[in-house]
Amino acid sequence: MSEPLRVGVLASGSGTNLEALLRSVHGHEAQIVAVASDKAEALALQRADDAGVPTRVFARADFADREARDTAIADWLDAAGVELVVLAGYMQLVSARFLGRFPDRVLNVHPALLPAFPGIAAIPQAVAYGVKIFGVTVHLVDEGVDTGAIILQGAIELPNGADDAEAVHAALRPLEHRLLPEAVRIIARGGMRRDPGNPRRILIDAAP
């Protein structure tokens, strides 16, 4: 049996997606070995501490610029043997240099059906637009804003639309908590590859 995939998580907030990973894949297909945040008060750090996972804070003010901070984060993750980085509610952009340290191995979960509504405030954007179908996307991270290749998506239909972004996000969280661990499982078993005819497309091999 192969060794679990070593995963590092970056999070800025409450860490519910981190908790989903800890409850589902941690200790099985994957091992979460490092959790970092840009905010010392992030609840995600407490969730990691409770699970016995090493944590560290990389506050923006402690570094000369984003490149310096990202280099420090990448060095720390490398030292922990991280093979996959998951951005789980991490509210900072990562640099091209950081991505180069983990090629095709940085995931993000976004609360919209990309390519619609990229960037921050995706759910309020969708609510303001009056959409009837809301969703979640797990994608690889590239140098753009939510422009990386899509791995998994899921959707819920609200036929009468919605006017409460928080209520929509609450409805989407179960999708986030299902799709993000599933994407990690796919990568852990080597089941993800780029389509040689169209590198924007991700092909997923059936589970053995």
N, C-alpha and C. Protein backbone atom coordinates (compact mmCIF):
# COMPACT_ATOMS: atom_id res chain seq x y z
N MET A 1 0.85 -1.20 0.00
CA MET A 1 0.00 0.00 0.00
C MET A 1 0.88 1.24 0.00
N SER A 2 0.55 2.23 -0.82
CA SER A 2 1.35 3.44 -0.92
C SER A 2 1.18 4.30 0.32
N GLU A 3 2.18 5.14 0.54
CA GLU A 3 2.14 6.06 1.67
C GLU A 3 1.07 7.12 1.44
N PRO A 4 0.42 7.62 2.50
CA PRO A 4 -0.56 8.70 2.33
C PRO A 4 0.08 9.94 1.72
N LEU A 5 -0.69 10.64 0.91
CA LEU A 5 -0.25 11.89 0.32
C LEU A 5 -0.06 12.93 1.42
N ARG A 6 1.09 13.57 1.42
CA ARG A 6 1.39 14.57 2.46
C ARG A 6 0.85 15.93 2.02
N VAL A 7 -0.06 16.46 2.81
CA VAL A 7 -0.83 17.66 2.44
C VAL A 7 -0.53 18.80 3.40
N GLY A 8 -0.32 19.99 2.83
CA GLY A 8 -0.24 21.22 3.60
C GLY A 8 -1.43 22.08 3.28
N VAL A 9 -1.98 22.74 4.29
CA VAL A 9 -3.19 23.55 4.11
C VAL A 9 -2.89 24.99 4.51
N LEU A 10 -3.33 25.93 3.67
CA LEU A 10 -3.28 27.35 4.00
C LEU A 10 -4.70 27.84 4.20
N ALA A 11 -4.95 28.51 5.30
CA ALA A 11 -6.31 28.96 5.62
C ALA A 11 -6.25 30.30 6.34
N SER A 12 -7.26 31.12 6.12
CA SER A 12 -7.31 32.44 6.75
C SER A 12 -8.42 32.58 7.78
N GLY A 13 -9.38 31.65 7.77
CA GLY A 13 -10.58 31.87 8.58
C GLY A 13 -10.92 30.71 9.50
N SER A 14 -12.20 30.34 9.46
CA SER A 14 -12.72 29.38 10.44
C SER A 14 -12.25 27.96 10.20
N GLY A 15 -11.86 27.65 8.97
CA GLY A 15 -11.28 26.34 8.72
C GLY A 15 -12.27 25.20 8.59
N THR A 16 -13.49 25.47 8.12
CA THR A 16 -14.45 24.37 7.98
C THR A 16 -14.02 23.38 6.90
N ASN A 17 -13.38 23.87 5.84
CA ASN A 17 -12.89 22.95 4.82
C ASN A 17 -11.69 22.14 5.33
N LEU A 18 -10.85 22.75 6.14
CA LEU A 18 -9.79 22.00 6.81
C LEU A 18 -10.40 20.90 7.68
N GLU A 19 -11.43 21.24 8.42
CA GLU A 19 -12.09 20.25 9.28
C GLU A 19 -12.64 19.10 8.45
N ALA A 20 -13.21 19.42 7.27
CA ALA A 20 -13.72 18.36 6.39
C ALA A 20 -12.59 17.43 5.96
N LEU A 21 -11.43 17.98 5.67
CA LEU A 21 -10.28 17.15 5.30
C LEU A 21 -9.81 16.31 6.48
N LEU A 22 -9.76 16.90 7.65
CA LEU A 22 -9.33 16.17 8.84
C LEU A 22 -10.27 15.02 9.14
N ARG A 23 -11.56 15.20 8.90
CA ARG A 23 -12.55 14.17 9.23
C ARG A 23 -12.65 13.08 8.19
N SER A 24 -12.19 13.37 6.96
CA SER A 24 -12.44 12.41 5.88
C SER A 24 -11.18 11.73 5.36
N VAL A 25 -10.18 12.49 4.93
CA VAL A 25 -9.02 11.88 4.30
C VAL A 25 -7.79 11.79 5.20
N HIS A 26 -7.74 12.60 6.25
CA HIS A 26 -6.58 12.63 7.14
C HIS A 26 -6.40 11.27 7.83
N GLY A 27 -5.20 10.71 7.67
CA GLY A 27 -4.94 9.41 8.25
C GLY A 27 -5.37 8.25 7.37
N HIS A 28 -5.89 8.58 6.20
CA HIS A 28 -6.32 7.55 5.25
C HIS A 28 -5.55 7.74 3.94
N GLU A 29 -6.23 8.30 2.93
CA GLU A 29 -5.54 8.56 1.65
C GLU A 29 -4.47 9.63 1.77
N ALA A 30 -4.65 10.52 2.73
CA ALA A 30 -3.73 11.65 2.88
C ALA A 30 -3.39 11.86 4.34
N GLN A 31 -2.31 12.59 4.55
CA GLN A 31 -1.90 12.98 5.89
C GLN A 31 -1.66 14.48 5.88
N ILE A 32 -2.45 15.21 6.66
CA ILE A 32 -2.24 16.65 6.75
C ILE A 32 -1.08 16.87 7.72
N VAL A 33 0.00 17.43 7.21
CA VAL A 33 1.23 17.52 7.99
C VAL A 33 1.60 18.95 8.35
N ALA A 34 0.87 19.94 7.83
CA ALA A 34 1.21 21.34 8.11
C ALA A 34 0.00 22.21 7.79
N VAL A 35 -0.30 23.15 8.67
CA VAL A 35 -1.37 24.13 8.44
C VAL A 35 -0.82 25.50 8.77
N ALA A 36 -0.90 26.41 7.81
CA ALA A 36 -0.40 27.78 7.99
C ALA A 36 -1.52 28.78 7.73
N SER A 37 -1.36 29.95 8.32
CA SER A 37 -2.33 31.02 8.12
C SER A 37 -1.61 32.36 8.09
N ASP A 38 -2.27 33.32 7.46
CA ASP A 38 -1.77 34.69 7.49
C ASP A 38 -2.32 35.45 8.69
N LYS A 39 -3.21 34.78 9.46
CA LYS A 39 -3.87 35.45 10.60
C LYS A 39 -3.69 34.61 11.86
N ALA A 40 -3.09 35.20 12.88
CA ALA A 40 -2.85 34.46 14.12
C ALA A 40 -4.14 34.02 14.79
N GLU A 41 -5.24 34.77 14.55
CA GLU A 41 -6.50 34.46 15.21
C GLU A 41 -7.37 33.48 14.43
N ALA A 42 -6.88 32.98 13.31
CA ALA A 42 -7.69 32.09 12.48
C ALA A 42 -8.07 30.82 13.25
N LEU A 43 -9.35 30.51 13.27
CA LEU A 43 -9.84 29.32 13.96
C LEU A 43 -9.27 28.04 13.34
N ALA A 44 -8.90 28.12 12.06
CA ALA A 44 -8.30 26.95 11.41
C ALA A 44 -7.07 26.47 12.16
N LEU A 45 -6.30 27.37 12.74
CA LEU A 45 -5.10 26.97 13.48
C LEU A 45 -5.47 26.15 14.71
N GLN A 46 -6.55 26.52 15.37
CA GLN A 46 -7.00 25.77 16.54
C GLN A 46 -7.47 24.38 16.13
N ARG A 47 -8.17 24.30 15.00
CA ARG A 47 -8.62 22.99 14.51
C ARG A 47 -7.41 22.09 14.25
N ALA A 48 -6.38 22.67 13.65
CA ALA A 48 -5.17 21.89 13.38
C ALA A 48 -4.49 21.47 14.68
N ASP A 49 -4.36 22.40 15.61
CA ASP A 49 -3.76 22.08 16.91
C ASP A 49 -4.51 20.93 17.58
N ASP A 50 -5.84 20.99 17.54
CA ASP A 50 -6.65 19.94 18.17
C ASP A 50 -6.40 18.58 17.54
N ALA A 51 -6.02 18.59 16.25
CA ALA A 51 -5.75 17.33 15.55
C ALA A 51 -4.28 16.93 15.62
N GLY A 52 -3.47 17.71 16.32
CA GLY A 52 -2.06 17.40 16.44
C GLY A 52 -1.24 17.72 15.21
N VAL A 53 -1.73 18.63 14.37
CA VAL A 53 -1.04 19.00 13.14
C VAL A 53 -0.21 20.26 13.39
N PRO A 54 1.05 20.28 13.02
CA PRO A 54 1.89 21.47 13.22
C PRO A 54 1.31 22.69 12.50
N THR A 55 1.42 23.85 13.14
CA THR A 55 0.89 25.09 12.57
C THR A 55 1.94 26.19 12.63
N ARG A 56 1.70 27.20 11.79
CA ARG A 56 2.57 28.38 11.84
C ARG A 56 1.82 29.55 11.23
N VAL A 57 2.11 30.75 11.73
CA VAL A 57 1.52 31.98 11.21
C VAL A 57 2.56 32.72 10.39
N PHE A 58 2.14 33.13 9.18
CA PHE A 58 2.99 33.93 8.31
C PHE A 58 2.25 35.25 8.03
N ALA A 59 2.34 36.16 8.98
CA ALA A 59 1.63 37.44 8.85
C ALA A 59 2.30 38.30 7.79
N ARG A 60 1.49 38.96 6.99
CA ARG A 60 2.03 39.79 5.91
C ARG A 60 2.99 40.85 6.45
N ALA A 61 2.67 41.41 7.60
CA ALA A 61 3.50 42.50 8.15
C ALA A 61 4.89 42.03 8.57
N ASP A 62 5.10 40.73 8.68
CA ASP A 62 6.38 40.21 9.13
C ASP A 62 7.39 40.02 7.99
N PHE A 63 6.96 40.33 6.76
CA PHE A 63 7.83 40.10 5.60
C PHE A 63 7.89 41.35 4.73
N ALA A 64 8.99 41.47 4.02
CA ALA A 64 9.19 42.67 3.21
C ALA A 64 8.15 42.78 2.11
N ASP A 65 7.75 41.65 1.53
CA ASP A 65 6.76 41.65 0.47
C ASP A 65 6.17 40.26 0.34
N ARG A 66 5.24 40.12 -0.59
CA ARG A 66 4.55 38.84 -0.77
C ARG A 66 5.51 37.74 -1.20
N GLU A 67 6.48 38.08 -2.06
CA GLU A 67 7.44 37.10 -2.52
C GLU A 67 8.22 36.52 -1.34
N ALA A 68 8.64 37.38 -0.43
CA ALA A 68 9.41 36.92 0.73
C ALA A 68 8.56 36.02 1.61
N ARG A 69 7.31 36.42 1.83
CA ARG A 69 6.42 35.59 2.65
C ARG A 69 6.17 34.24 1.98
N ASP A 70 5.87 34.26 0.68
CA ASP A 70 5.58 33.01 -0.03
C ASP A 70 6.79 32.09 -0.05
N THR A 71 7.98 32.65 -0.16
CA THR A 71 9.18 31.82 -0.10
C THR A 71 9.32 31.16 1.25
N ALA A 72 9.03 31.91 2.31
CA ALA A 72 9.10 31.35 3.66
C ALA A 72 8.06 30.24 3.85
N ILE A 73 6.86 30.46 3.34
CA ILE A 73 5.82 29.44 3.45
C ILE A 73 6.23 28.18 2.68
N ALA A 74 6.71 28.37 1.45
CA ALA A 74 7.11 27.23 0.64
C ALA A 74 8.25 26.46 1.29
N ASP A 75 9.20 27.18 1.88
CA ASP A 75 10.31 26.52 2.57
C ASP A 75 9.79 25.68 3.73
N TRP A 76 8.84 26.23 4.48
CA TRP A 76 8.27 25.51 5.63
C TRP A 76 7.51 24.28 5.18
N LEU A 77 6.74 24.41 4.12
CA LEU A 77 6.00 23.26 3.60
C LEU A 77 6.94 22.20 3.05
N ASP A 78 7.97 22.64 2.34
CA ASP A 78 8.98 21.71 1.83
C ASP A 78 9.63 20.91 2.96
N ALA A 79 9.96 21.62 4.03
CA ALA A 79 10.61 20.96 5.17
C ALA A 79 9.70 19.91 5.80
N ALA A 80 8.39 20.09 5.66
CA ALA A 80 7.42 19.12 6.18
C ALA A 80 7.13 18.01 5.17
N GLY A 81 7.78 18.06 4.02
CA GLY A 81 7.57 17.02 3.02
C GLY A 81 6.25 17.10 2.31
N VAL A 82 5.68 18.30 2.22
CA VAL A 82 4.36 18.46 1.60
C VAL A 82 4.42 18.18 0.10
N GLU A 83 3.46 17.37 -0.36
CA GLU A 83 3.35 17.03 -1.77
C GLU A 83 2.18 17.73 -2.46
N LEU A 84 1.20 18.17 -1.68
CA LEU A 84 0.02 18.86 -2.21
C LEU A 84 -0.34 19.99 -1.26
N VAL A 85 -0.59 21.18 -1.83
CA VAL A 85 -0.99 22.34 -1.02
C VAL A 85 -2.46 22.62 -1.31
N VAL A 86 -3.25 22.77 -0.25
CA VAL A 86 -4.67 23.08 -0.38
C VAL A 86 -4.92 24.46 0.19
N LEU A 87 -5.49 25.33 -0.63
CA LEU A 87 -5.92 26.65 -0.16
C LEU A 87 -7.37 26.49 0.29
N ALA A 88 -7.58 26.52 1.58
CA ALA A 88 -8.91 26.28 2.15
C ALA A 88 -9.39 27.57 2.83
N GLY A 89 -9.95 28.45 2.02
CA GLY A 89 -10.34 29.74 2.56
C GLY A 89 -9.14 30.62 2.85
N TYR A 90 -8.11 30.50 2.03
CA TYR A 90 -6.91 31.33 2.19
C TYR A 90 -7.11 32.60 1.38
N MET A 91 -7.17 33.73 2.07
CA MET A 91 -7.58 34.98 1.45
C MET A 91 -6.40 35.82 0.96
N GLN A 92 -5.37 35.14 0.49
CA GLN A 92 -4.22 35.82 -0.08
C GLN A 92 -3.92 35.19 -1.44
N LEU A 93 -3.43 36.00 -2.37
CA LEU A 93 -2.94 35.46 -3.62
C LEU A 93 -1.56 34.85 -3.38
N VAL A 94 -1.27 33.76 -4.08
CA VAL A 94 0.07 33.18 -3.99
C VAL A 94 0.85 33.54 -5.24
N SER A 95 2.13 33.68 -5.09
CA SER A 95 2.98 34.17 -6.18
C SER A 95 3.32 33.06 -7.16
N ALA A 96 3.79 33.49 -8.34
CA ALA A 96 4.23 32.52 -9.35
C ALA A 96 5.39 31.70 -8.82
N ARG A 97 6.24 32.29 -8.03
CA ARG A 97 7.37 31.55 -7.47
C ARG A 97 6.89 30.44 -6.55
N PHE A 98 5.88 30.74 -5.75
CA PHE A 98 5.30 29.71 -4.87
C PHE A 98 4.72 28.57 -5.71
N LEU A 99 3.94 28.91 -6.74
CA LEU A 99 3.35 27.89 -7.59
C LEU A 99 4.42 27.04 -8.26
N GLY A 100 5.54 27.67 -8.61
CA GLY A 100 6.62 26.93 -9.23
C GLY A 100 7.24 25.90 -8.32
N ARG A 101 7.09 26.08 -7.02
CA ARG A 101 7.62 25.10 -6.06
C ARG A 101 6.72 23.87 -5.98
N PHE A 102 5.45 24.03 -6.36
CA PHE A 102 4.48 22.93 -6.28
C PHE A 102 3.68 22.85 -7.58
N PRO A 103 4.35 22.52 -8.69
CA PRO A 103 3.67 22.57 -9.99
C PRO A 103 2.49 21.60 -10.08
N ASP A 104 1.32 22.13 -10.45
CA ASP A 104 0.08 21.35 -10.55
C ASP A 104 -0.24 20.65 -9.24
N ARG A 105 0.21 21.23 -8.15
CA ARG A 105 -0.04 20.63 -6.84
C ARG A 105 -0.53 21.67 -5.83
N VAL A 106 -1.24 22.69 -6.32
CA VAL A 106 -1.89 23.66 -5.43
C VAL A 106 -3.36 23.69 -5.81
N LEU A 107 -4.21 23.36 -4.84
CA LEU A 107 -5.66 23.32 -5.07
C LEU A 107 -6.34 24.47 -4.36
N ASN A 108 -7.46 24.89 -4.94
CA ASN A 108 -8.32 25.89 -4.30
C ASN A 108 -9.76 25.44 -4.42
N VAL A 109 -10.56 25.80 -3.43
CA VAL A 109 -12.01 25.57 -3.50
C VAL A 109 -12.67 26.94 -3.56
N HIS A 110 -13.55 27.11 -4.56
CA HIS A 110 -14.14 28.42 -4.83
C HIS A 110 -15.67 28.28 -4.82
N PRO A 111 -16.39 29.19 -4.14
CA PRO A 111 -17.83 29.04 -4.00
C PRO A 111 -18.63 29.60 -5.18
N ALA A 112 -18.29 29.14 -6.38
CA ALA A 112 -19.04 29.51 -7.59
C ALA A 112 -18.70 28.51 -8.67
N LEU A 113 -19.51 28.50 -9.71
CA LEU A 113 -19.27 27.62 -10.85
C LEU A 113 -18.37 28.35 -11.84
N LEU A 114 -17.09 28.22 -11.63
CA LEU A 114 -16.15 28.87 -12.54
C LEU A 114 -16.35 28.35 -13.96
N PRO A 115 -16.15 29.22 -14.97
CA PRO A 115 -15.49 30.53 -14.90
C PRO A 115 -16.38 31.70 -14.48
N ALA A 116 -17.62 31.43 -14.08
CA ALA A 116 -18.48 32.53 -13.60
C ALA A 116 -18.05 32.96 -12.20
N PHE A 117 -18.10 34.26 -11.95
CA PHE A 117 -17.89 34.85 -10.63
C PHE A 117 -16.56 34.48 -9.98
N PRO A 118 -15.45 34.76 -10.64
CA PRO A 118 -14.14 34.55 -10.01
C PRO A 118 -13.85 35.64 -8.99
N GLY A 119 -12.79 35.44 -8.22
CA GLY A 119 -12.35 36.47 -7.29
C GLY A 119 -13.12 36.49 -6.00
N ILE A 120 -12.94 37.58 -5.25
CA ILE A 120 -13.58 37.68 -3.95
C ILE A 120 -15.07 38.00 -4.10
N ALA A 121 -15.81 37.74 -3.03
CA ALA A 121 -17.25 38.03 -2.99
C ALA A 121 -18.01 37.33 -4.11
N ALA A 122 -17.63 36.08 -4.40
CA ALA A 122 -18.27 35.35 -5.50
C ALA A 122 -19.76 35.15 -5.25
N ILE A 123 -20.12 34.78 -4.02
CA ILE A 123 -21.54 34.53 -3.75
C ILE A 123 -22.36 35.81 -3.81
N PRO A 124 -21.94 36.92 -3.19
CA PRO A 124 -22.69 38.16 -3.37
C PRO A 124 -22.81 38.57 -4.84
N GLN A 125 -21.77 38.32 -5.64
CA GLN A 125 -21.87 38.62 -7.07
C GLN A 125 -22.97 37.80 -7.72
N ALA A 126 -23.00 36.51 -7.39
CA ALA A 126 -24.00 35.62 -7.98
C ALA A 126 -25.40 36.00 -7.52
N VAL A 127 -25.55 36.34 -6.25
CA VAL A 127 -26.85 36.76 -5.72
C VAL A 127 -27.31 38.03 -6.44
N ALA A 128 -26.40 38.99 -6.59
CA ALA A 128 -26.76 40.24 -7.26
C ALA A 128 -27.15 40.01 -8.71
N TYR A 129 -26.57 39.00 -9.32
CA TYR A 129 -26.86 38.69 -10.71
C TYR A 129 -28.17 37.94 -10.87
N GLY A 130 -28.70 37.43 -9.77
CA GLY A 130 -29.98 36.73 -9.83
C GLY A 130 -29.90 35.32 -10.37
N VAL A 131 -28.76 34.63 -10.19
CA VAL A 131 -28.63 33.29 -10.73
C VAL A 131 -29.56 32.33 -10.01
N LYS A 132 -29.91 31.25 -10.68
CA LYS A 132 -30.79 30.22 -10.13
C LYS A 132 -30.02 28.99 -9.68
N ILE A 133 -28.81 28.83 -10.21
CA ILE A 133 -27.98 27.68 -9.87
C ILE A 133 -26.66 28.20 -9.29
N PHE A 134 -26.36 27.77 -8.07
CA PHE A 134 -25.13 28.14 -7.38
C PHE A 134 -24.25 26.90 -7.30
N GLY A 135 -22.96 27.10 -7.13
CA GLY A 135 -22.12 25.92 -7.09
C GLY A 135 -20.76 26.15 -6.46
N VAL A 136 -19.97 25.08 -6.52
CA VAL A 136 -18.63 25.04 -5.94
C VAL A 136 -17.68 24.45 -6.98
N THR A 137 -16.50 24.98 -7.06
CA THR A 137 -15.46 24.48 -7.97
C THR A 137 -14.19 24.19 -7.19
N VAL A 138 -13.61 23.03 -7.42
CA VAL A 138 -12.25 22.73 -6.94
C VAL A 138 -11.35 22.77 -8.17
N HIS A 139 -10.31 23.58 -8.11
CA HIS A 139 -9.47 23.77 -9.29
C HIS A 139 -8.01 23.89 -8.92
N LEU A 140 -7.16 23.63 -9.89
CA LEU A 140 -5.74 23.91 -9.72
C LEU A 140 -5.53 25.42 -9.72
N VAL A 141 -4.54 25.86 -8.99
CA VAL A 141 -4.24 27.29 -8.92
C VAL A 141 -3.15 27.61 -9.94
N ASP A 142 -3.40 28.67 -10.71
CA ASP A 142 -2.37 29.18 -11.61
C ASP A 142 -2.13 30.65 -11.27
N GLU A 143 -1.48 31.38 -12.17
CA GLU A 143 -1.11 32.76 -11.87
C GLU A 143 -2.28 33.74 -12.01
N GLY A 144 -3.40 33.29 -12.56
CA GLY A 144 -4.57 34.15 -12.65
C GLY A 144 -5.41 34.07 -11.39
N VAL A 145 -6.54 34.76 -11.41
CA VAL A 145 -7.47 34.74 -10.28
C VAL A 145 -8.58 33.75 -10.60
N ASP A 146 -8.50 32.57 -9.97
CA ASP A 146 -9.50 31.51 -10.17
C ASP A 146 -9.61 31.10 -11.64
N THR A 147 -8.46 31.04 -12.31
CA THR A 147 -8.45 30.68 -13.73
C THR A 147 -7.83 29.31 -13.99
N GLY A 148 -7.42 28.60 -12.94
CA GLY A 148 -6.76 27.32 -13.11
C GLY A 148 -7.71 26.22 -13.57
N ALA A 149 -7.13 25.14 -14.06
CA ALA A 149 -7.91 24.02 -14.60
C ALA A 149 -8.85 23.45 -13.55
N ILE A 150 -10.07 23.17 -13.98
CA ILE A 150 -11.13 22.69 -13.08
C ILE A 150 -11.00 21.19 -12.87
N ILE A 151 -11.06 20.77 -11.61
CA ILE A 151 -11.00 19.35 -11.27
C ILE A 151 -12.40 18.80 -11.01
N LEU A 152 -13.15 19.44 -10.12
CA LEU A 152 -14.50 18.98 -9.76
C LEU A 152 -15.42 20.18 -9.60
N GLN A 153 -16.70 19.97 -9.90
CA GLN A 153 -17.72 20.98 -9.65
C GLN A 153 -18.99 20.30 -9.15
N GLY A 154 -19.77 21.06 -8.40
CA GLY A 154 -21.08 20.61 -7.95
C GLY A 154 -21.99 21.80 -7.85
N ALA A 155 -23.29 21.56 -7.93
CA ALA A 155 -24.24 22.68 -7.97
C ALA A 155 -25.49 22.36 -7.18
N ILE A 156 -26.15 23.42 -6.74
CA ILE A 156 -27.48 23.32 -6.15
C ILE A 156 -28.38 24.32 -6.87
N GLU A 157 -29.64 23.97 -7.00
CA GLU A 157 -30.59 24.83 -7.70
C GLU A 157 -31.49 25.53 -6.69
N LEU A 158 -31.60 26.83 -6.83
CA LEU A 158 -32.54 27.62 -6.04
C LEU A 158 -33.47 28.30 -7.03
N PRO A 159 -34.59 27.63 -7.37
CA PRO A 159 -35.43 28.09 -8.48
C PRO A 159 -35.91 29.52 -8.35
N ASN A 160 -36.11 29.98 -7.12
CA ASN A 160 -36.57 31.35 -6.92
C ASN A 160 -35.43 32.31 -6.65
N GLY A 161 -34.23 31.84 -6.95
CA GLY A 161 -33.08 32.69 -6.69
C GLY A 161 -32.81 32.81 -5.21
N ALA A 162 -32.02 33.77 -4.82
CA ALA A 162 -31.70 33.99 -3.42
C ALA A 162 -31.28 35.44 -3.24
N ASP A 163 -31.55 35.96 -2.06
CA ASP A 163 -31.12 37.34 -1.79
C ASP A 163 -30.30 37.43 -0.51
N ASP A 164 -29.85 36.28 -0.01
CA ASP A 164 -29.06 36.24 1.22
C ASP A 164 -27.79 35.44 0.97
N ALA A 165 -26.68 36.14 0.82
CA ALA A 165 -25.42 35.48 0.49
C ALA A 165 -24.99 34.49 1.57
N GLU A 166 -25.23 34.84 2.83
CA GLU A 166 -24.84 33.93 3.91
C GLU A 166 -25.63 32.63 3.86
N ALA A 167 -26.92 32.74 3.55
CA ALA A 167 -27.75 31.53 3.45
C ALA A 167 -27.29 30.66 2.28
N VAL A 168 -26.90 31.31 1.18
CA VAL A 168 -26.40 30.55 0.04
C VAL A 168 -25.11 29.84 0.42
N HIS A 169 -24.22 30.55 1.10
CA HIS A 169 -22.95 29.92 1.49
C HIS A 169 -23.19 28.74 2.42
N ALA A 170 -24.14 28.88 3.33
CA ALA A 170 -24.47 27.76 4.22
C ALA A 170 -24.95 26.55 3.42
N ALA A 171 -25.73 26.82 2.37
CA ALA A 171 -26.22 25.73 1.52
C ALA A 171 -25.11 25.10 0.70
N LEU A 172 -24.06 25.89 0.38
CA LEU A 172 -22.96 25.38 -0.43
C LEU A 172 -21.90 24.63 0.38
N ARG A 173 -21.84 24.87 1.68
CA ARG A 173 -20.77 24.26 2.47
C ARG A 173 -20.74 22.74 2.38
N PRO A 174 -21.89 22.04 2.43
CA PRO A 174 -21.80 20.58 2.27
C PRO A 174 -21.15 20.16 0.95
N LEU A 175 -21.37 20.94 -0.12
CA LEU A 175 -20.71 20.64 -1.39
C LEU A 175 -19.20 20.85 -1.27
N GLU A 176 -18.78 21.95 -0.66
CA GLU A 176 -17.36 22.20 -0.46
C GLU A 176 -16.73 21.05 0.32
N HIS A 177 -17.43 20.62 1.37
CA HIS A 177 -16.89 19.61 2.27
C HIS A 177 -16.88 18.22 1.64
N ARG A 178 -17.63 18.04 0.57
CA ARG A 178 -17.60 16.77 -0.16
C ARG A 178 -16.58 16.81 -1.30
N LEU A 179 -16.58 17.90 -2.06
CA LEU A 179 -15.76 17.96 -3.26
C LEU A 179 -14.27 18.12 -2.97
N LEU A 180 -13.91 18.92 -1.97
CA LEU A 180 -12.50 19.13 -1.69
C LEU A 180 -11.81 17.83 -1.25
N PRO A 181 -12.36 17.08 -0.29
CA PRO A 181 -11.73 15.79 0.03
C PRO A 181 -11.71 14.83 -1.15
N GLU A 182 -12.75 14.85 -1.99
CA GLU A 182 -12.77 13.97 -3.14
C GLU A 182 -11.63 14.31 -4.10
N ALA A 183 -11.37 15.59 -4.31
CA ALA A 183 -10.26 15.99 -5.17
C ALA A 183 -8.93 15.51 -4.59
N VAL A 184 -8.78 15.61 -3.28
CA VAL A 184 -7.54 15.13 -2.64
C VAL A 184 -7.41 13.62 -2.83
N ARG A 185 -8.51 12.89 -2.70
CA ARG A 185 -8.48 11.43 -2.91
C ARG A 185 -8.04 11.10 -4.34
N ILE A 186 -8.58 11.83 -5.31
CA ILE A 186 -8.23 11.59 -6.71
C ILE A 186 -6.73 11.78 -6.93
N ILE A 187 -6.19 12.86 -6.38
CA ILE A 187 -4.76 13.13 -6.55
C ILE A 187 -3.93 12.11 -5.80
N ALA A 188 -4.39 11.71 -4.62
CA ALA A 188 -3.64 10.74 -3.82
C ALA A 188 -3.50 9.40 -4.54
N ARG A 189 -4.52 9.02 -5.32
CA ARG A 189 -4.43 7.74 -6.04
C ARG A 189 -3.87 7.90 -7.45
N GLY A 190 -3.42 9.11 -7.78
CA GLY A 190 -2.83 9.33 -9.10
C GLY A 190 -3.86 9.33 -10.21
N GLY A 191 -5.08 9.73 -9.88
CA GLY A 191 -6.17 9.63 -10.85
C GLY A 191 -6.46 10.89 -11.64
N MET A 192 -5.60 11.89 -11.55
CA MET A 192 -5.82 13.15 -12.26
C MET A 192 -4.72 13.39 -13.27
N ARG A 193 -5.09 13.79 -14.49
CA ARG A 193 -4.09 14.13 -15.50
C ARG A 193 -4.68 15.18 -16.43
N ARG A 194 -3.80 15.91 -17.08
CA ARG A 194 -4.24 16.90 -18.06
C ARG A 194 -4.50 16.22 -19.40
N ASP A 195 -5.51 16.68 -20.08
CA ASP A 195 -5.83 16.18 -21.43
C ASP A 195 -4.70 16.62 -22.37
N PRO A 196 -3.99 15.68 -23.00
CA PRO A 196 -2.90 16.09 -23.89
C PRO A 196 -3.37 16.92 -25.08
N GLY A 197 -4.63 16.79 -25.45
CA GLY A 197 -5.17 17.57 -26.55
C GLY A 197 -5.67 18.95 -26.15
N ASN A 198 -5.85 19.16 -24.84
CA ASN A 198 -6.34 20.44 -24.32
C ASN A 198 -5.92 20.54 -22.86
N PRO A 199 -4.76 21.12 -22.58
CA PRO A 199 -4.23 21.12 -21.22
C PRO A 199 -5.09 21.87 -20.21
N ARG A 200 -6.09 22.61 -20.69
CA ARG A 200 -7.00 23.24 -19.73
C ARG A 200 -7.94 22.22 -19.11
N ARG A 201 -8.14 21.10 -19.79
CA ARG A 201 -9.07 20.08 -19.30
C ARG A 201 -8.35 19.08 -18.41
N ILE A 202 -8.98 18.78 -17.28
CA ILE A 202 -8.48 17.75 -16.39
C ILE A 202 -9.27 16.47 -16.63
N LEU A 203 -8.54 15.39 -16.86
CA LEU A 203 -9.17 14.08 -17.01
C LEU A 203 -9.01 13.31 -15.70
N ILE A 204 -10.09 12.67 -15.29
CA ILE A 204 -10.09 11.92 -14.03
C ILE A 204 -10.31 10.46 -14.34
N ASP A 205 -9.35 9.64 -13.97
CA ASP A 205 -9.46 8.20 -14.20
C ASP A 205 -10.38 7.58 -13.16
N ALA A 206 -11.11 6.58 -13.56
CA ALA A 206 -12.01 5.88 -12.64
C ALA A 206 -11.20 5.23 -11.52
N ALA A 207 -11.79 5.20 -10.33
CA ALA A 207 -11.12 4.57 -9.21
C ALA A 207 -10.97 3.08 -9.47
N PRO A 208 -9.84 2.50 -9.08
CA PRO A 208 -9.64 1.06 -9.33
C PRO A 208 -10.60 0.22 -8.50
